[in-house]
Amino acid sequence: MNTIKKLLGTAAFDFGGIIVFYILLWLFGLRVAIGGTLLFVPLDAIRRHTLKIGFPRLYVISTTVVLVFGSIDVFSKQPFMLRYEGALTEFILACAFAWGSRGRSIIEELATQQQPDLDFPHMRRFFQLVTRTWAIYYLCMSGFFAWVGLHYSLVHALAIRQAAGIGGSILLALFSFSGRFAYGVYARLGLLPAAPPPAKGEAPGA
């Protein structure tokens, strides 16, 4: 359980820009959300540099996406991309996670950032599968957000996107870092062999 808490805490920091953006968007509106995110990013960068945490690909991708799309809306007279920004963002993240599932995946980076000695059989394959699961999730959410943008008003679409995005991300994060449960699901699907023995340091999901 402590392992899961550490990994989820790291994930929260790696998605910090997106989390700050959407909280401020919900409370104060788009311009405050962008301003707050622009303030958060350099402060978080200083924290990461001071603590020697580094800048993993997941952090760079999530922060860049929210700043680019948010800034386009801020500097346009009308927030023309806001209705479909969610679908575009999710699609870009799907592509990024699919690309980032090769070799040492971005989820493996996230896990070993907190547990440098993490090691168990088929670990690389396991984290590649988790990363691809995120890619599929973002692709599905992209299609869903596009449909919502077409069928609902902007206000209702934003509310649906926020609720679905936050809820879906939490559920998938819990699955991703559930350790043996996630490993068992992939094993039953024939994507991995039987559940691994205890890992070096800790067993998955311990």
Protein backbone atom coordinates (compact mmCIF):
# COMPACT_ATOMS: atom_id res chain seq x y z
CA MET A 1 0.00 0.00 0.00
CA ASN A 2 2.85 2.40 0.74
CA THR A 3 4.24 1.66 -2.71
CA ILE A 4 0.93 2.58 -4.34
CA LYS A 5 0.74 5.81 -2.33
CA LYS A 6 4.25 6.78 -3.39
CA LEU A 7 3.55 6.06 -7.04
CA LEU A 8 0.24 7.91 -7.02
CA GLY A 9 1.93 10.83 -5.29
CA THR A 10 4.56 10.91 -8.00
CA ALA A 11 1.85 10.69 -10.68
CA ALA A 12 0.08 13.66 -9.09
CA PHE A 13 3.26 15.73 -9.39
CA ASP A 14 3.89 14.54 -12.96
CA PHE A 15 0.36 15.61 -13.92
CA GLY A 16 0.62 18.65 -11.66
CA GLY A 17 0.22 21.15 -14.50
CA ILE A 18 -2.98 19.52 -15.73
CA ILE A 19 -4.38 19.20 -12.19
CA VAL A 20 -3.69 22.86 -11.37
CA PHE A 21 -5.13 23.97 -14.71
CA TYR A 22 -8.43 22.14 -14.36
CA ILE A 23 -8.96 23.05 -10.71
CA LEU A 24 -8.45 26.75 -11.49
CA LEU A 25 -10.54 26.47 -14.66
CA TRP A 26 -13.43 25.05 -12.66
CA LEU A 27 -13.12 27.65 -9.89
CA PHE A 28 -12.08 30.85 -11.68
CA GLY A 29 -12.13 30.47 -15.45
CA LEU A 30 -9.69 30.01 -18.31
CA ARG A 31 -7.39 33.02 -17.91
CA VAL A 32 -6.81 32.40 -14.21
CA ALA A 33 -6.21 28.71 -14.99
CA ILE A 34 -3.49 29.58 -17.50
CA GLY A 35 -1.93 32.19 -15.20
CA GLY A 36 -1.88 29.77 -12.28
CA THR A 37 -0.39 27.01 -14.41
CA LEU A 38 2.29 29.36 -15.77
CA LEU A 39 3.17 30.21 -12.16
CA PHE A 40 3.11 26.59 -11.02
CA VAL A 41 5.37 25.20 -13.77
CA PRO A 42 8.56 27.23 -13.01
CA LEU A 43 8.10 26.75 -9.25
CA ASP A 44 7.71 23.01 -9.74
CA ALA A 45 10.72 23.00 -12.09
CA ILE A 46 12.82 24.66 -9.36
CA ARG A 47 11.58 22.08 -6.84
CA ARG A 48 12.48 19.22 -9.17
CA HIS A 49 15.91 20.65 -9.88
CA THR A 50 16.61 21.28 -6.18
CA LEU A 51 15.50 17.79 -5.13
CA LYS A 52 17.21 16.24 -8.18
CA ILE A 53 13.94 14.57 -9.19
CA GLY A 54 14.49 15.25 -12.86
CA PHE A 55 12.00 15.84 -15.64
CA PRO A 56 10.55 12.51 -16.84
CA ARG A 57 8.81 12.32 -20.20
CA LEU A 58 5.39 12.07 -18.56
CA TYR A 59 5.90 15.41 -16.81
CA VAL A 60 7.15 17.16 -19.96
CA ILE A 61 4.30 15.81 -22.10
CA SER A 62 1.47 16.64 -19.70
CA THR A 63 2.78 20.14 -18.91
CA THR A 64 3.45 21.02 -22.55
CA VAL A 65 0.02 19.89 -23.71
CA VAL A 66 -1.93 21.93 -21.17
CA LEU A 67 0.18 25.07 -21.70
CA VAL A 68 0.01 24.95 -25.50
CA PHE A 69 -3.73 24.42 -25.80
CA GLY A 70 -4.60 26.71 -22.93
CA SER A 71 -2.43 29.52 -24.30
CA ILE A 72 -4.13 29.29 -27.71
CA ASP A 73 -7.49 29.88 -26.04
CA VAL A 74 -6.19 32.74 -23.90
CA PHE A 75 -4.75 34.72 -26.81
CA SER A 76 -7.71 34.18 -29.12
CA LYS A 77 -10.65 36.61 -29.02
CA GLN A 78 -12.99 33.68 -28.66
CA PRO A 79 -11.95 30.38 -27.03
CA PHE A 80 -12.59 28.57 -30.31
CA MET A 81 -10.65 25.46 -29.31
CA LEU A 82 -12.17 25.04 -25.87
CA ARG A 83 -15.06 22.88 -27.12
CA TYR A 84 -12.74 20.36 -28.80
CA GLU A 85 -9.52 21.01 -26.85
CA GLY A 86 -10.25 18.03 -24.61
CA ALA A 87 -10.57 15.64 -27.55
CA LEU A 88 -7.36 16.94 -29.12
CA THR A 89 -5.50 16.80 -25.81
CA GLU A 90 -6.57 13.22 -25.15
CA PHE A 91 -5.62 12.20 -28.70
CA ILE A 92 -2.14 13.73 -28.35
CA LEU A 93 -1.69 11.99 -24.99
CA ALA A 94 -2.82 8.70 -26.56
CA CYS A 95 -0.14 9.07 -29.24
CA ALA A 96 2.46 10.07 -26.65
CA PHE A 97 1.73 7.06 -24.43
CA ALA A 98 1.69 4.71 -27.41
CA TRP A 99 5.08 6.06 -28.52
CA GLY A 100 6.31 6.03 -24.90
CA SER A 101 5.47 2.35 -24.42
CA ARG A 102 8.51 1.25 -26.41
CA GLY A 103 11.60 0.06 -24.53
CA ARG A 104 11.74 1.64 -21.07
CA SER A 105 8.21 2.98 -20.96
CA ILE A 106 7.13 6.26 -19.39
CA ILE A 107 5.22 4.33 -16.70
CA GLU A 108 8.37 2.38 -15.84
CA GLU A 109 10.15 5.73 -15.53
CA LEU A 110 7.46 6.85 -13.12
CA ALA A 111 7.69 3.68 -11.01
CA THR A 112 11.49 3.52 -10.80
CA GLN A 113 11.63 7.23 -10.01
CA GLN A 114 10.27 6.34 -6.57
CA GLN A 115 11.75 2.83 -6.33
CA PRO A 116 15.13 2.73 -8.11
CA ASP A 117 15.67 -0.90 -7.01
CA LEU A 118 12.27 -2.12 -8.25
CA ASP A 119 12.80 -5.39 -10.08
CA PHE A 120 10.57 -8.38 -10.82
CA PRO A 121 10.25 -10.89 -13.68
CA HIS A 122 8.89 -9.43 -16.91
CA MET A 123 8.88 -5.95 -15.35
CA ARG A 124 9.62 -4.16 -18.62
CA ARG A 125 6.83 -6.00 -20.44
CA PHE A 126 4.41 -5.30 -17.57
CA PHE A 127 5.04 -1.55 -17.61
CA GLN A 128 4.84 -1.49 -21.41
CA LEU A 129 1.37 -3.04 -21.16
CA VAL A 130 0.33 -0.53 -18.50
CA THR A 131 1.54 2.33 -20.70
CA ARG A 132 -0.39 0.95 -23.68
CA THR A 133 -3.47 0.65 -21.49
CA TRP A 134 -3.19 4.39 -20.81
CA ALA A 135 -2.82 4.99 -24.55
CA ILE A 136 -6.04 3.07 -25.24
CA TYR A 137 -7.80 4.93 -22.43
CA TYR A 138 -6.80 8.34 -23.83
CA LEU A 139 -7.85 7.30 -27.33
CA CYS A 140 -11.29 6.24 -26.06
CA MET A 141 -11.64 9.45 -24.06
CA SER A 142 -10.69 11.47 -27.14
CA GLY A 143 -13.58 9.95 -29.07
CA PHE A 144 -15.94 10.44 -26.12
CA PHE A 145 -14.93 14.09 -25.64
CA ALA A 146 -15.41 14.76 -29.36
CA TRP A 147 -18.91 13.29 -29.16
CA VAL A 148 -19.68 15.37 -26.07
CA GLY A 149 -18.46 18.52 -27.84
CA LEU A 150 -20.83 17.85 -30.73
CA HIS A 151 -23.93 17.09 -28.66
CA TYR A 152 -23.73 19.37 -25.60
CA SER A 153 -23.35 23.06 -24.91
CA LEU A 154 -19.87 24.31 -24.01
CA VAL A 155 -20.73 24.65 -20.31
CA HIS A 156 -22.19 21.15 -20.07
CA ALA A 157 -19.41 19.68 -22.20
CA LEU A 158 -16.74 21.11 -19.89
CA ALA A 159 -18.52 19.73 -16.82
CA ILE A 160 -18.84 16.26 -18.38
CA ARG A 161 -15.21 16.29 -19.51
CA GLN A 162 -13.94 17.27 -16.07
CA ALA A 163 -16.02 14.63 -14.27
CA ALA A 164 -15.21 11.87 -16.77
CA GLY A 165 -11.54 12.82 -17.04
CA ILE A 166 -10.90 12.97 -13.30
CA GLY A 167 -12.94 9.85 -12.51
CA GLY A 168 -11.46 7.81 -15.35
CA SER A 169 -7.89 8.84 -14.54
CA ILE A 170 -8.29 7.92 -10.87
CA LEU A 171 -9.70 4.48 -11.70
CA LEU A 172 -7.00 3.76 -14.25
CA ALA A 173 -4.27 4.98 -11.89
CA LEU A 174 -5.58 2.65 -9.16
CA PHE A 175 -5.55 -0.24 -11.63
CA SER A 176 -2.11 0.63 -12.98
CA PHE A 177 -0.50 0.64 -9.55
CA SER A 178 -2.51 -2.22 -8.08
CA GLY A 179 0.52 -4.44 -8.72
CA ARG A 180 -0.42 -8.10 -8.60
CA PHE A 181 -4.03 -7.40 -9.62
CA ALA A 182 -3.00 -5.62 -12.82
CA TYR A 183 -0.34 -8.26 -13.48
CA GLY A 184 -2.97 -10.97 -13.01
CA VAL A 185 -5.35 -9.31 -15.48
CA TYR A 186 -2.65 -9.17 -18.15
CA ALA A 187 -1.68 -12.77 -17.36
CA ARG A 188 -5.28 -13.96 -17.78
CA LEU A 189 -5.39 -12.19 -21.14
CA GLY A 190 -2.31 -14.17 -22.18
CA LEU A 191 -0.10 -11.08 -22.34
CA LEU A 192 2.13 -12.14 -19.42
CA PRO A 193 3.11 -15.44 -17.77
CA ALA A 194 1.87 -16.45 -14.31
CA ALA A 195 2.13 -13.97 -11.42
CA PRO A 196 5.76 -13.17 -10.56
CA PRO A 197 7.53 -14.04 -7.29
CA PRO A 198 8.27 -11.23 -4.81
CA ALA A 199 10.21 -8.40 -6.37
CA LYS A 200 13.59 -7.08 -5.38
CA GLY A 201 12.70 -4.60 -2.65
CA GLU A 202 8.93 -5.20 -2.79
CA ALA A 203 6.47 -7.36 -4.67
CA PRO A 204 4.31 -5.48 -7.19
CA GLY A 205 1.47 -3.82 -5.33
CA ALA A 206 2.88 -4.65 -1.89
